[in-house]
Amino acid sequence: MRMDCEFVKLPFEFDVEQMAQEVSQFSESSWLPHPSKHIGNSALPLISYEGQDNDLFCGTMKETPHLQKCEYIRQIASSFGEVLGRSRFMRLAAGSDVPIHVDAIYHWHRHVRIHIPVITNEKVIFHCGTEKVNMKAGECWLFDSWRNHKVVNSSQETRVHLVIDTAGSSRFWDLVDSTLSYYRDNGNYPSPQYLNYVPSKQISILLEKYNITPVLSPGEIEGLIEDIIYDMRENSGNDVSKVKLLTKQMIRFCQDWRMIFSVYGYEGKGIPHYLNLLKSTQNTLSHMNFDVHVKNGQLSKTILYARVFSAAISPAVREDYEQALSK
């Protein structure tokens, strides 16, 4: 999610010893490799699609059996009072890194990731934009995933973070704004509130159930694309004439998507029409042999495909349609 600055340290602090103890109960077989196969990167799902071991962002989110074994981690997740999406423990092996990248898919346009270091040290450095920080164990951090970012673990120790995804309510973003204001006025962050571990405490966690529609509405399609157009225009290194050409094609896609939606909406019989529009638009774009970049340096077409085209029809609906065709 785009933010006003690279990093924000929220005013919370957590019991490092208890978190580390809960991480330590899991065997190596419980950890999943990174979906992009980045060496030294692995994760253990805590909140996931249907509570299973997967990397999916969309659909009904449930607690995994792993999370149900972690009493204090459940208390931490509940303490934010927010609706939570995909969440996990993330490991970064000694001497490894998370390669520089931008989080471009639909999920990250609406979500922010809360980072709570569990096991770390001063040689683990998080880079975002032009800034870098060493997140200390027990702290609570946000970062702007729309900027180029990477993590480098130069130590001899495996780093483990608890990461929690949320879109955040107005109350959450008010907290972010007030924290930033305090930092800008005082040069340091406000004193954190410590969350004690309370054995056998009964808590509940709000989990996402509706995080993507079967077909994105015309209004959402337009909003996502208008943001890309704005970013293209903000990049002074782009050729203005090429920006206009690509903008025109994006607007044509919005217009035609609205036309189809006005007839079929979420009905299954509209899926082939949506798919044909996606295919024809991608074909047109493939013949536009020039590069236009958004402000963070990423190719506009890459962002369009990742953020809009991949989510325009939900993965579940697309899979159902393809299975029906194969019968």
C-alpha atoms as a PDB file:
ATOM      1  CA  MET A   1       0.000   0.000   0.000  1.00  0.00           C
ATOM      2  CA  ARG A   2       1.177   3.502  -0.845  1.00  0.00           C
ATOM      3  CA  MET A   3       2.144   5.531   2.250  1.00  0.00           C
ATOM      4  CA  ASP A   4       3.408   9.051   2.927  1.00  0.00           C
ATOM      5  CA  CYS A   5       6.801   7.794   4.081  1.00  0.00           C
ATOM      6  CA  GLU A   6       8.971   4.699   3.875  1.00  0.00           C
ATOM      7  CA  PHE A   7       8.570   3.422   7.449  1.00  0.00           C
ATOM      8  CA  VAL A   8       6.365   3.949  10.506  1.00  0.00           C
ATOM      9  CA  LYS A   9       6.986   2.383  13.912  1.00  0.00           C
ATOM     10  CA  LEU A  10       3.643   1.897  15.654  1.00  0.00           C
ATOM     11  CA  PRO A  11       3.499   2.453  19.439  1.00  0.00           C
ATOM     12  CA  PHE A  12       3.257  -1.201  20.436  1.00  0.00           C
ATOM     13  CA  GLU A  13       5.749  -3.634  21.919  1.00  0.00           C
ATOM     14  CA  PHE A  14       5.468  -7.389  22.417  1.00  0.00           C
ATOM     15  CA  ASP A  15       6.945 -10.160  24.563  1.00  0.00           C
ATOM     16  CA  VAL A  16       9.941 -11.370  22.544  1.00  0.00           C
ATOM     17  CA  GLU A  17      10.621 -14.433  24.693  1.00  0.00           C
ATOM     18  CA  GLN A  18       7.046 -15.705  24.439  1.00  0.00           C
ATOM     19  CA  MET A  19       6.897 -15.137  20.689  1.00  0.00           C
ATOM     20  CA  ALA A  20      10.189 -16.945  20.159  1.00  0.00           C
ATOM     21  CA  GLN A  21       8.992 -19.848  22.289  1.00  0.00           C
ATOM     22  CA  GLU A  22       5.873 -20.220  20.173  1.00  0.00           C
ATOM     23  CA  VAL A  23       7.898 -20.139  16.946  1.00  0.00           C
ATOM     24  CA  SER A  24      10.278 -22.804  18.249  1.00  0.00           C
ATOM     25  CA  GLN A  25       7.581 -25.476  18.553  1.00  0.00           C
ATOM     26  CA  PHE A  26       7.355 -25.950  14.766  1.00  0.00           C
ATOM     27  CA  SER A  27       9.464 -28.487  12.895  1.00  0.00           C
ATOM     28  CA  GLU A  28      11.214 -27.748   9.635  1.00  0.00           C
ATOM     29  CA  SER A  29       8.517 -29.626   7.698  1.00  0.00           C
ATOM     30  CA  SER A  30       5.925 -27.005   8.713  1.00  0.00           C
ATOM     31  CA  TRP A  31       7.669 -24.235   6.765  1.00  0.00           C
ATOM     32  CA  LEU A  32       6.766 -23.498   3.137  1.00  0.00           C
ATOM     33  CA  PRO A  33       9.312 -22.310   0.539  1.00  0.00           C
ATOM     34  CA  HIS A  34       8.835 -18.846  -0.906  1.00  0.00           C
ATOM     35  CA  PRO A  35       6.357 -18.977  -3.841  1.00  0.00           C
ATOM     36  CA  SER A  36       8.994 -17.305  -6.051  1.00  0.00           C
ATOM     37  CA  LYS A  37      11.640 -19.750  -4.786  1.00  0.00           C
ATOM     38  CA  HIS A  38      13.861 -17.039  -3.300  1.00  0.00           C
ATOM     39  CA  ILE A  39      16.752 -18.840  -1.616  1.00  0.00           C
ATOM     40  CA  GLY A  40      16.667 -18.684   2.179  1.00  0.00           C
ATOM     41  CA  ASN A  41      13.066 -17.414   2.319  1.00  0.00           C
ATOM     42  CA  SER A  42      10.321 -19.519   3.919  1.00  0.00           C
ATOM     43  CA  ALA A  43       7.048 -18.998   5.734  1.00  0.00           C
ATOM     44  CA  LEU A  44       4.633 -20.689   8.120  1.00  0.00           C
ATOM     45  CA  PRO A  45       0.954 -19.789   7.465  1.00  0.00           C
ATOM     46  CA  LEU A  46      -1.045 -18.491  10.440  1.00  0.00           C
ATOM     47  CA  ILE A  47      -4.074 -17.015   8.671  1.00  0.00           C
ATOM     48  CA  SER A  48      -4.695 -18.324   5.179  1.00  0.00           C
ATOM     49  CA  TYR A  49      -7.325 -19.230   2.612  1.00  0.00           C
ATOM     50  CA  GLU A  50      -9.552 -21.788   4.332  1.00  0.00           C
ATOM     51  CA  GLY A  51      -6.907 -22.188   7.072  1.00  0.00           C
ATOM     52  CA  GLN A  52      -4.717 -24.400   4.921  1.00  0.00           C
ATOM     53  CA  ASP A  53      -1.020 -24.358   4.010  1.00  0.00           C
ATOM     54  CA  ASN A  54      -1.073 -22.123   0.946  1.00  0.00           C
ATOM     55  CA  ASP A  55       0.106 -18.733  -0.347  1.00  0.00           C
ATOM     56  CA  LEU A  56      -3.268 -17.469  -1.589  1.00  0.00           C
ATOM     57  CA  PHE A  57      -4.455 -13.924  -0.916  1.00  0.00           C
ATOM     58  CA  CYS A  58      -8.128 -14.193  -1.910  1.00  0.00           C
ATOM     59  CA  GLY A  59     -11.132 -15.946  -0.424  1.00  0.00           C
ATOM     60  CA  THR A  60     -12.299 -16.818   3.065  1.00  0.00           C
ATOM     61  CA  MET A  61      -9.459 -16.455   5.545  1.00  0.00           C
ATOM     62  CA  LYS A  62      -9.288 -18.774   8.544  1.00  0.00           C
ATOM     63  CA  GLU A  63      -6.854 -19.565  11.341  1.00  0.00           C
ATOM     64  CA  THR A  64      -4.494 -22.389  10.518  1.00  0.00           C
ATOM     65  CA  PRO A  65      -3.796 -25.211  12.992  1.00  0.00           C
ATOM     66  CA  HIS A  66      -0.376 -23.545  13.438  1.00  0.00           C
ATOM     67  CA  LEU A  67      -1.931 -20.341  14.761  1.00  0.00           C
ATOM     68  CA  GLN A  68      -4.196 -22.253  17.110  1.00  0.00           C
ATOM     69  CA  LYS A  69      -1.054 -23.592  18.796  1.00  0.00           C
ATOM     70  CA  CYS A  70       0.234 -20.040  19.390  1.00  0.00           C
ATOM     71  CA  GLU A  71      -1.681 -18.518  22.284  1.00  0.00           C
ATOM     72  CA  TYR A  72       0.275 -15.269  22.495  1.00  0.00           C
ATOM     73  CA  ILE A  73       0.434 -14.745  18.710  1.00  0.00           C
ATOM     74  CA  ARG A  74      -3.369 -15.007  18.685  1.00  0.00           C
ATOM     75  CA  GLN A  75      -3.500 -12.349  21.413  1.00  0.00           C
ATOM     76  CA  ILE A  76      -1.238 -10.095  19.345  1.00  0.00           C
ATOM     77  CA  ALA A  77      -3.364 -10.549  16.218  1.00  0.00           C
ATOM     78  CA  SER A  78      -6.534  -9.783  18.161  1.00  0.00           C
ATOM     79  CA  SER A  79      -5.033  -6.739  19.894  1.00  0.00           C
ATOM     80  CA  PHE A  80      -5.127  -4.603  16.740  1.00  0.00           C
ATOM     81  CA  GLY A  81      -8.912  -4.886  16.562  1.00  0.00           C
ATOM     82  CA  GLU A  82      -8.709  -4.982  12.770  1.00  0.00           C
ATOM     83  CA  VAL A  83      -9.972  -7.376  10.131  1.00  0.00           C
ATOM     84  CA  LEU A  84      -6.962  -9.487   9.144  1.00  0.00           C
ATOM     85  CA  GLY A  85      -5.970 -11.135   5.887  1.00  0.00           C
ATOM     86  CA  ARG A  86      -3.174 -13.546   5.023  1.00  0.00           C
ATOM     87  CA  SER A  87      -0.678 -13.610   7.908  1.00  0.00           C
ATOM     88  CA  ARG A  88       2.358 -15.738   8.722  1.00  0.00           C
ATOM     89  CA  PHE A  89       5.753 -16.198  10.274  1.00  0.00           C
ATOM     90  CA  MET A  90       8.405 -15.308   7.713  1.00  0.00           C
ATOM     91  CA  ARG A  91      11.984 -16.587   7.921  1.00  0.00           C
ATOM     92  CA  LEU A  92      15.095 -15.231   6.281  1.00  0.00           C
ATOM     93  CA  ALA A  93      18.078 -17.535   6.602  1.00  0.00           C
ATOM     94  CA  ALA A  94      21.524 -16.344   7.637  1.00  0.00           C
ATOM     95  CA  GLY A  95      23.363 -14.674   4.762  1.00  0.00           C
ATOM     96  CA  SER A  96      20.192 -14.456   2.641  1.00  0.00           C
ATOM     97  CA  ASP A  97      18.117 -11.593   1.323  1.00  0.00           C
ATOM     98  CA  VAL A  98      14.682 -10.675   0.042  1.00  0.00           C
ATOM     99  CA  PRO A  99      15.487  -9.335  -3.460  1.00  0.00           C
ATOM    100  CA  ILE A 100      14.495  -5.779  -4.305  1.00  0.00           C
ATOM    101  CA  HIS A 101      10.928  -5.586  -5.578  1.00  0.00           C
ATOM    102  CA  VAL A 102       7.614  -3.723  -5.462  1.00  0.00           C
ATOM    103  CA  ASP A 103       4.380  -5.312  -4.221  1.00  0.00           C
ATOM    104  CA  ALA A 104       2.159  -4.744  -7.246  1.00  0.00           C
ATOM    105  CA  ILE A 105      -0.741  -7.207  -7.092  1.00  0.00           C
ATOM    106  CA  TYR A 106      -4.339  -6.256  -6.271  1.00  0.00           C
ATOM    107  CA  HIS A 107      -4.030  -7.386  -2.636  1.00  0.00           C
ATOM    108  CA  TRP A 108      -1.202  -4.946  -1.931  1.00  0.00           C
ATOM    109  CA  HIS A 109      -3.015  -1.975  -3.433  1.00  0.00           C
ATOM    110  CA  ARG A 110      -5.480  -2.211  -0.526  1.00  0.00           C
ATOM    111  CA  HIS A 111      -3.444  -3.861   2.235  1.00  0.00           C
ATOM    112  CA  VAL A 112      -0.532  -2.987   4.466  1.00  0.00           C
ATOM    113  CA  ARG A 113       1.738  -5.500   6.196  1.00  0.00           C
ATOM    114  CA  ILE A 114       2.442  -5.183   9.908  1.00  0.00           C
ATOM    115  CA  HIS A 115       5.939  -6.459  10.737  1.00  0.00           C
ATOM    116  CA  ILE A 116       6.750  -7.657  14.258  1.00  0.00           C
ATOM    117  CA  PRO A 117      10.331  -8.988  14.523  1.00  0.00           C
ATOM    118  CA  VAL A 118      10.534 -12.135  16.671  1.00  0.00           C
ATOM    119  CA  ILE A 119      14.136 -13.275  16.166  1.00  0.00           C
ATOM    120  CA  THR A 120      16.546 -10.739  14.695  1.00  0.00           C
ATOM    121  CA  ASN A 121      19.752  -8.775  15.275  1.00  0.00           C
ATOM    122  CA  GLU A 122      21.494  -5.550  14.266  1.00  0.00           C
ATOM    123  CA  LYS A 123      22.788  -7.054  11.006  1.00  0.00           C
ATOM    124  CA  VAL A 124      19.310  -7.502   9.541  1.00  0.00           C
ATOM    125  CA  ILE A 125      18.522  -4.378   7.521  1.00  0.00           C
ATOM    126  CA  PHE A 126      15.201  -3.502   5.856  1.00  0.00           C
ATOM    127  CA  HIS A 127      15.532  -1.134   2.883  1.00  0.00           C
ATOM    128  CA  CYS A 128      12.567   0.832   1.488  1.00  0.00           C
ATOM    129  CA  GLY A 129      12.883   3.653  -1.022  1.00  0.00           C
ATOM    130  CA  THR A 130      15.850   5.746   0.120  1.00  0.00           C
ATOM    131  CA  GLU A 131      15.584   4.729   3.780  1.00  0.00           C
ATOM    132  CA  LYS A 132      16.737   1.711   5.783  1.00  0.00           C
ATOM    133  CA  VAL A 133      16.051   0.499   9.326  1.00  0.00           C
ATOM    134  CA  ASN A 134      16.998  -2.251  11.725  1.00  0.00           C
ATOM    135  CA  MET A 135      13.693  -3.438  13.173  1.00  0.00           C
ATOM    136  CA  LYS A 136      14.352  -4.620  16.718  1.00  0.00           C
ATOM    137  CA  ALA A 137      12.715  -7.689  18.244  1.00  0.00           C
ATOM    138  CA  GLY A 138       9.310  -6.950  19.752  1.00  0.00           C
ATOM    139  CA  GLU A 139       8.765  -3.701  17.834  1.00  0.00           C
ATOM    140  CA  CYS A 140       5.893  -3.061  15.422  1.00  0.00           C
ATOM    141  CA  TRP A 141       6.532  -1.601  11.963  1.00  0.00           C
ATOM    142  CA  LEU A 142       4.770  -0.659   8.732  1.00  0.00           C
ATOM    143  CA  PHE A 143       6.441   0.142   5.418  1.00  0.00           C
ATOM    144  CA  ASP A 144       5.413   1.439   2.007  1.00  0.00           C
ATOM    145  CA  SER A 145       5.302  -1.644  -0.211  1.00  0.00           C
ATOM    146  CA  TRP A 146       4.677   0.493  -3.320  1.00  0.00           C
ATOM    147  CA  ARG A 147       8.291   1.687  -3.106  1.00  0.00           C
ATOM    148  CA  ASN A 148      11.194  -0.539  -4.073  1.00  0.00           C
ATOM    149  CA  HIS A 149      12.192  -2.542  -1.005  1.00  0.00           C
ATOM    150  CA  LYS A 150      14.445  -5.406   0.073  1.00  0.00           C
ATOM    151  CA  VAL A 151      15.747  -7.083   3.234  1.00  0.00           C
ATOM    152  CA  VAL A 152      19.345  -8.174   3.813  1.00  0.00           C
ATOM    153  CA  ASN A 153      20.343 -10.604   6.555  1.00  0.00           C
ATOM    154  CA  SER A 154      24.124 -10.275   6.868  1.00  0.00           C
ATOM    155  CA  SER A 155      24.218 -12.169  10.152  1.00  0.00           C
ATOM    156  CA  GLN A 156      24.807 -15.817  11.075  1.00  0.00           C
ATOM    157  CA  GLU A 157      21.299 -16.120  12.529  1.00  0.00           C
ATOM    158  CA  THR A 158      17.947 -16.892  10.899  1.00  0.00           C
ATOM    159  CA  ARG A 159      15.596 -13.926  11.121  1.00  0.00           C
ATOM    160  CA  VAL A 160      11.904 -14.529  11.923  1.00  0.00           C
ATOM    161  CA  HIS A 161       9.145 -11.928  11.641  1.00  0.00           C
ATOM    162  CA  LEU A 162       5.460 -12.147  12.447  1.00  0.00           C
ATOM    163  CA  VAL A 163       3.692 -10.446   9.525  1.00  0.00           C
ATOM    164  CA  ILE A 164       0.015  -9.513   9.617  1.00  0.00           C
ATOM    165  CA  ASP A 165      -1.913  -8.160   6.615  1.00  0.00           C
ATOM    166  CA  THR A 166      -4.794  -5.714   6.994  1.00  0.00           C
ATOM    167  CA  ALA A 167      -6.567  -3.068   4.938  1.00  0.00           C
ATOM    168  CA  GLY A 168      -7.063  -1.143   8.174  1.00  0.00           C
ATOM    169  CA  SER A 169     -10.090   0.740   9.453  1.00  0.00           C
ATOM    170  CA  SER A 170     -10.232   4.531   9.809  1.00  0.00           C
ATOM    171  CA  ARG A 171      -9.207   4.046  13.459  1.00  0.00           C
ATOM    172  CA  PHE A 172      -6.059   2.197  12.355  1.00  0.00           C
ATOM    173  CA  TRP A 173      -5.074   4.882   9.851  1.00  0.00           C
ATOM    174  CA  ASP A 174      -5.807   7.618  12.406  1.00  0.00           C
ATOM    175  CA  LEU A 175      -3.253   5.866  14.635  1.00  0.00           C
ATOM    176  CA  VAL A 176      -0.725   5.821  11.785  1.00  0.00           C
ATOM    177  CA  ASP A 177      -1.282   9.529  11.109  1.00  0.00           C
ATOM    178  CA  SER A 178      -0.974  10.516  14.776  1.00  0.00           C
ATOM    179  CA  THR A 179       2.193   8.422  15.150  1.00  0.00           C
ATOM    180  CA  LEU A 180       3.753  10.122  12.123  1.00  0.00           C
ATOM    181  CA  SER A 181       2.754  13.562  13.396  1.00  0.00           C
ATOM    182  CA  TYR A 182       4.359  12.833  16.765  1.00  0.00           C
ATOM    183  CA  TYR A 183       7.542  11.635  15.047  1.00  0.00           C
ATOM    184  CA  ARG A 184       7.769  14.728  12.841  1.00  0.00           C
ATOM    185  CA  ASP A 185       7.201  17.052  15.808  1.00  0.00           C
ATOM    186  CA  ASN A 186       9.527  15.294  18.259  1.00  0.00           C
ATOM    187  CA  GLY A 187      12.138  13.482  16.177  1.00  0.00           C
ATOM    188  CA  ASN A 188      11.307  10.148  17.787  1.00  0.00           C
ATOM    189  CA  TYR A 189       8.345   7.790  18.060  1.00  0.00           C
ATOM    190  CA  PRO A 190       5.846   7.824  20.974  1.00  0.00           C
ATOM    191  CA  SER A 191       6.441   5.445  23.885  1.00  0.00           C
ATOM    192  CA  PRO A 192       5.016   2.017  23.054  1.00  0.00           C
ATOM    193  CA  GLN A 193       2.228   0.192  24.835  1.00  0.00           C
ATOM    194  CA  TYR A 194       3.391  -3.254  25.969  1.00  0.00           C
ATOM    195  CA  LEU A 195       1.115  -6.247  25.412  1.00  0.00           C
ATOM    196  CA  ASN A 196       1.555  -8.786  28.176  1.00  0.00           C
ATOM    197  CA  TYR A 197       1.064 -12.480  27.546  1.00  0.00           C
ATOM    198  CA  VAL A 198      -2.003 -13.697  29.444  1.00  0.00           C
ATOM    199  CA  PRO A 199      -2.211 -17.511  29.663  1.00  0.00           C
ATOM    200  CA  SER A 200      -5.615 -19.000  28.729  1.00  0.00           C
ATOM    201  CA  LYS A 201      -7.047 -15.619  27.747  1.00  0.00           C
ATOM    202  CA  GLN A 202     -10.128 -16.006  25.553  1.00  0.00           C
ATOM    203  CA  ILE A 203      -9.947 -13.846  22.447  1.00  0.00           C
ATOM    204  CA  SER A 204     -11.407 -13.676  18.948  1.00  0.00           C
ATOM    205  CA  ILE A 205      -9.808 -12.544  15.699  1.00  0.00           C
ATOM    206  CA  LEU A 206     -11.651 -10.725  12.914  1.00  0.00           C
ATOM    207  CA  LEU A 207     -10.850 -12.432   9.617  1.00  0.00           C
ATOM    208  CA  GLU A 208     -11.480 -11.459   6.011  1.00  0.00           C
ATOM    209  CA  LYS A 209     -14.278 -13.277   4.249  1.00  0.00           C
ATOM    210  CA  TYR A 210     -14.952 -10.967   1.318  1.00  0.00           C
ATOM    211  CA  ASN A 211     -11.671  -9.599  -0.023  1.00  0.00           C
ATOM    212  CA  ILE A 212     -12.372  -9.800  -3.765  1.00  0.00           C
ATOM    213  CA  THR A 213     -15.573  -9.873  -5.808  1.00  0.00           C
ATOM    214  CA  PRO A 214     -16.255 -12.534  -8.478  1.00  0.00           C
ATOM    215  CA  VAL A 215     -15.789  -9.791 -11.084  1.00  0.00           C
ATOM    216  CA  LEU A 216     -14.379  -6.367 -10.256  1.00  0.00           C
ATOM    217  CA  SER A 217     -16.975  -3.630 -10.637  1.00  0.00           C
ATOM    218  CA  PRO A 218     -16.476  -0.931 -13.293  1.00  0.00           C
ATOM    219  CA  GLY A 219     -15.922   1.616 -10.536  1.00  0.00           C
ATOM    220  CA  GLU A 220     -13.105  -0.396  -8.986  1.00  0.00           C
ATOM    221  CA  ILE A 221     -11.529  -1.131 -12.360  1.00  0.00           C
ATOM    222  CA  GLU A 222     -11.544   2.593 -13.114  1.00  0.00           C
ATOM    223  CA  GLY A 223     -10.107   3.490  -9.710  1.00  0.00           C
ATOM    224  CA  LEU A 224      -7.238   1.023 -10.052  1.00  0.00           C
ATOM    225  CA  ILE A 225      -6.410   2.175 -13.567  1.00  0.00           C
ATOM    226  CA  GLU A 226      -6.746   5.896 -12.775  1.00  0.00           C
ATOM    227  CA  ASP A 227      -4.095   5.400 -10.104  1.00  0.00           C
ATOM    228  CA  ILE A 228      -1.735   3.857 -12.680  1.00  0.00           C
ATOM    229  CA  ILE A 229      -2.423   6.691 -15.135  1.00  0.00           C
ATOM    230  CA  TYR A 230      -1.667   9.247 -12.423  1.00  0.00           C
ATOM    231  CA  ASP A 231       1.621   7.493 -11.636  1.00  0.00           C
ATOM    232  CA  MET A 232       2.621   7.406 -15.319  1.00  0.00           C
ATOM    233  CA  ARG A 233       1.998  11.141 -15.642  1.00  0.00           C
ATOM    234  CA  GLU A 234       3.994  11.820 -12.471  1.00  0.00           C
ATOM    235  CA  ASN A 235       7.078  10.141 -13.972  1.00  0.00           C
ATOM    236  CA  SER A 236       8.856  12.996 -15.746  1.00  0.00           C
ATOM    237  CA  GLY A 237      11.090  10.526 -17.582  1.00  0.00           C
ATOM    238  CA  ASN A 238       8.221   9.226 -19.714  1.00  0.00           C
ATOM    239  CA  ASP A 239       7.530  10.291 -23.283  1.00  0.00           C
ATOM    240  CA  VAL A 240       4.285  12.278 -23.013  1.00  0.00           C
ATOM    241  CA  SER A 241       2.976  11.036 -26.374  1.00  0.00           C
ATOM    242  CA  LYS A 242       3.472   7.407 -25.301  1.00  0.00           C
ATOM    243  CA  VAL A 243       1.748   8.073 -21.988  1.00  0.00           C
ATOM    244  CA  LYS A 244      -1.243   9.410 -23.937  1.00  0.00           C
ATOM    245  CA  LEU A 245      -1.363   6.330 -26.173  1.00  0.00           C
ATOM    246  CA  LEU A 246      -1.251   3.914 -23.241  1.00  0.00           C
ATOM    247  CA  THR A 247      -3.740   6.006 -21.264  1.00  0.00           C
ATOM    248  CA  LYS A 248      -6.182   5.924 -24.175  1.00  0.00           C
ATOM    249  CA  GLN A 249      -5.989   2.119 -24.331  1.00  0.00           C
ATOM    250  CA  MET A 250      -6.523   1.799 -20.570  1.00  0.00           C
ATOM    251  CA  ILE A 251      -9.596   4.051 -20.736  1.00  0.00           C
ATOM    252  CA  ARG A 252     -10.980   2.020 -23.658  1.00  0.00           C
ATOM    253  CA  PHE A 253     -10.642  -1.092 -21.517  1.00  0.00           C
ATOM    254  CA  CYS A 254     -12.577   0.618 -18.686  1.00  0.00           C
ATOM    255  CA  GLN A 255     -15.343   1.658 -21.068  1.00  0.00           C
ATOM    256  CA  ASP A 256     -15.748  -1.806 -22.545  1.00  0.00           C
ATOM    257  CA  TRP A 257     -15.599  -3.476 -19.119  1.00  0.00           C
ATOM    258  CA  ARG A 258     -18.443  -1.222 -17.943  1.00  0.00           C
ATOM    259  CA  MET A 259     -20.499  -2.119 -21.017  1.00  0.00           C
ATOM    260  CA  ILE A 260     -20.148  -5.866 -20.356  1.00  0.00           C
ATOM    261  CA  PHE A 261     -20.813  -5.439 -16.629  1.00  0.00           C
ATOM    262  CA  SER A 262     -24.018  -3.510 -17.320  1.00  0.00           C
ATOM    263  CA  VAL A 263     -25.403  -6.576 -19.110  1.00  0.00           C
ATOM    264  CA  TYR A 264     -23.971  -9.483 -17.117  1.00  0.00           C
ATOM    265  CA  GLY A 265     -22.721  -8.177 -13.756  1.00  0.00           C
ATOM    266  CA  TYR A 266     -21.524 -11.160 -11.736  1.00  0.00           C
ATOM    267  CA  GLU A 267     -23.402 -13.747 -13.833  1.00  0.00           C
ATOM    268  CA  GLY A 268     -21.399 -16.723 -15.008  1.00  0.00           C
ATOM    269  CA  LYS A 269     -22.502 -16.304 -18.601  1.00  0.00           C
ATOM    270  CA  GLY A 270     -20.627 -13.023 -18.708  1.00  0.00           C
ATOM    271  CA  ILE A 271     -17.251 -14.645 -17.980  1.00  0.00           C
ATOM    272  CA  PRO A 272     -16.348 -15.475 -21.607  1.00  0.00           C
ATOM    273  CA  HIS A 273     -17.084 -11.853 -22.581  1.00  0.00           C
ATOM    274  CA  TYR A 274     -14.839 -10.514 -19.800  1.00  0.00           C
ATOM    275  CA  LEU A 275     -12.114 -12.979 -20.759  1.00  0.00           C
ATOM    276  CA  ASN A 276     -12.320 -12.001 -24.423  1.00  0.00           C
ATOM    277  CA  LEU A 277     -11.917  -8.339 -23.492  1.00  0.00           C
ATOM    278  CA  LEU A 278      -8.909  -9.127 -21.317  1.00  0.00           C
ATOM    279  CA  LYS A 279      -7.343 -11.187 -24.094  1.00  0.00           C
ATOM    280  CA  SER A 280      -7.934  -8.596 -26.820  1.00  0.00           C
ATOM    281  CA  THR A 281      -6.618  -5.775 -24.603  1.00  0.00           C
ATOM    282  CA  GLN A 282      -3.483  -7.718 -23.723  1.00  0.00           C
ATOM    283  CA  ASN A 283      -2.958  -8.450 -27.416  1.00  0.00           C
ATOM    284  CA  THR A 284      -3.251  -4.757 -28.260  1.00  0.00           C
ATOM    285  CA  LEU A 285      -0.831  -3.803 -25.499  1.00  0.00           C
ATOM    286  CA  SER A 286       1.679  -6.424 -26.645  1.00  0.00           C
ATOM    287  CA  HIS A 287       1.904  -4.624 -29.999  1.00  0.00           C
ATOM    288  CA  MET A 288       2.600  -1.272 -28.338  1.00  0.00           C
ATOM    289  CA  ASN A 289       6.364  -1.710 -28.498  1.00  0.00           C
ATOM    290  CA  PHE A 290       7.450   1.006 -26.112  1.00  0.00           C
ATOM    291  CA  ASP A 291       8.022   1.339 -22.387  1.00  0.00           C
ATOM    292  CA  VAL A 292       6.199   3.657 -20.016  1.00  0.00           C
ATOM    293  CA  HIS A 293       7.065   3.564 -16.317  1.00  0.00           C
ATOM    294  CA  VAL A 294       5.165   4.472 -13.191  1.00  0.00           C
ATOM    295  CA  LYS A 295       6.871   6.736 -10.672  1.00  0.00           C
ATOM    296  CA  ASN A 296       8.593   3.933  -8.734  1.00  0.00           C
ATOM    297  CA  GLY A 297      10.311   2.761 -11.927  1.00  0.00           C
ATOM    298  CA  GLN A 298       8.158  -0.280 -12.651  1.00  0.00           C
ATOM    299  CA  LEU A 299       6.749  -0.839 -16.136  1.00  0.00           C
ATOM    300  CA  SER A 300       3.164   0.428 -16.378  1.00  0.00           C
ATOM    301  CA  LYS A 301       2.036  -2.643 -18.306  1.00  0.00           C
ATOM    302  CA  THR A 302       3.493  -4.924 -15.618  1.00  0.00           C
ATOM    303  CA  ILE A 303       1.540  -3.075 -12.920  1.00  0.00           C
ATOM    304  CA  LEU A 304      -1.619  -3.134 -15.037  1.00  0.00           C
ATOM    305  CA  TYR A 305      -1.398  -6.903 -15.481  1.00  0.00           C
ATOM    306  CA  ALA A 306      -0.533  -7.595 -11.836  1.00  0.00           C
ATOM    307  CA  ARG A 307      -2.972  -5.219 -10.154  1.00  0.00           C
ATOM    308  CA  VAL A 308      -5.932  -5.167 -12.548  1.00  0.00           C
ATOM    309  CA  PHE A 309      -5.979  -7.939 -15.137  1.00  0.00           C
ATOM    310  CA  SER A 310      -5.036 -10.735 -12.710  1.00  0.00           C
ATOM    311  CA  ALA A 311      -7.825  -9.728 -10.302  1.00  0.00           C
ATOM    312  CA  ALA A 312     -10.502  -8.527 -12.742  1.00  0.00           C
ATOM    313  CA  ILE A 313     -12.031 -12.005 -12.533  1.00  0.00           C
ATOM    314  CA  SER A 314     -11.396 -13.693  -9.214  1.00  0.00           C
ATOM    315  CA  PRO A 315      -9.060 -16.714  -9.301  1.00  0.00           C
ATOM    316  CA  ALA A 316     -11.844 -18.972  -7.981  1.00  0.00           C
ATOM    317  CA  VAL A 317     -14.321 -17.922 -10.695  1.00  0.00           C
ATOM    318  CA  ARG A 318     -11.688 -18.245 -13.402  1.00  0.00           C
ATOM    319  CA  GLU A 319     -10.758 -21.729 -12.176  1.00  0.00           C
ATOM    320  CA  ASP A 320     -14.414 -22.834 -12.106  1.00  0.00           C
ATOM    321  CA  TYR A 321     -14.906 -21.563 -15.645  1.00  0.00           C
ATOM    322  CA  GLU A 322     -11.814 -23.347 -16.960  1.00  0.00           C
ATOM    323  CA  GLN A 323     -12.832 -26.598 -15.261  1.00  0.00           C
ATOM    324  CA  ALA A 324     -16.294 -26.375 -16.821  1.00  0.00           C
ATOM    325  CA  LEU A 325     -14.739 -25.926 -20.266  1.00  0.00           C
ATOM    326  CA  SER A 326     -12.518 -28.975 -19.814  1.00  0.00           C
ATOM    327  CA  LYS A 327     -15.443 -31.313 -19.139  1.00  0.00           C
END
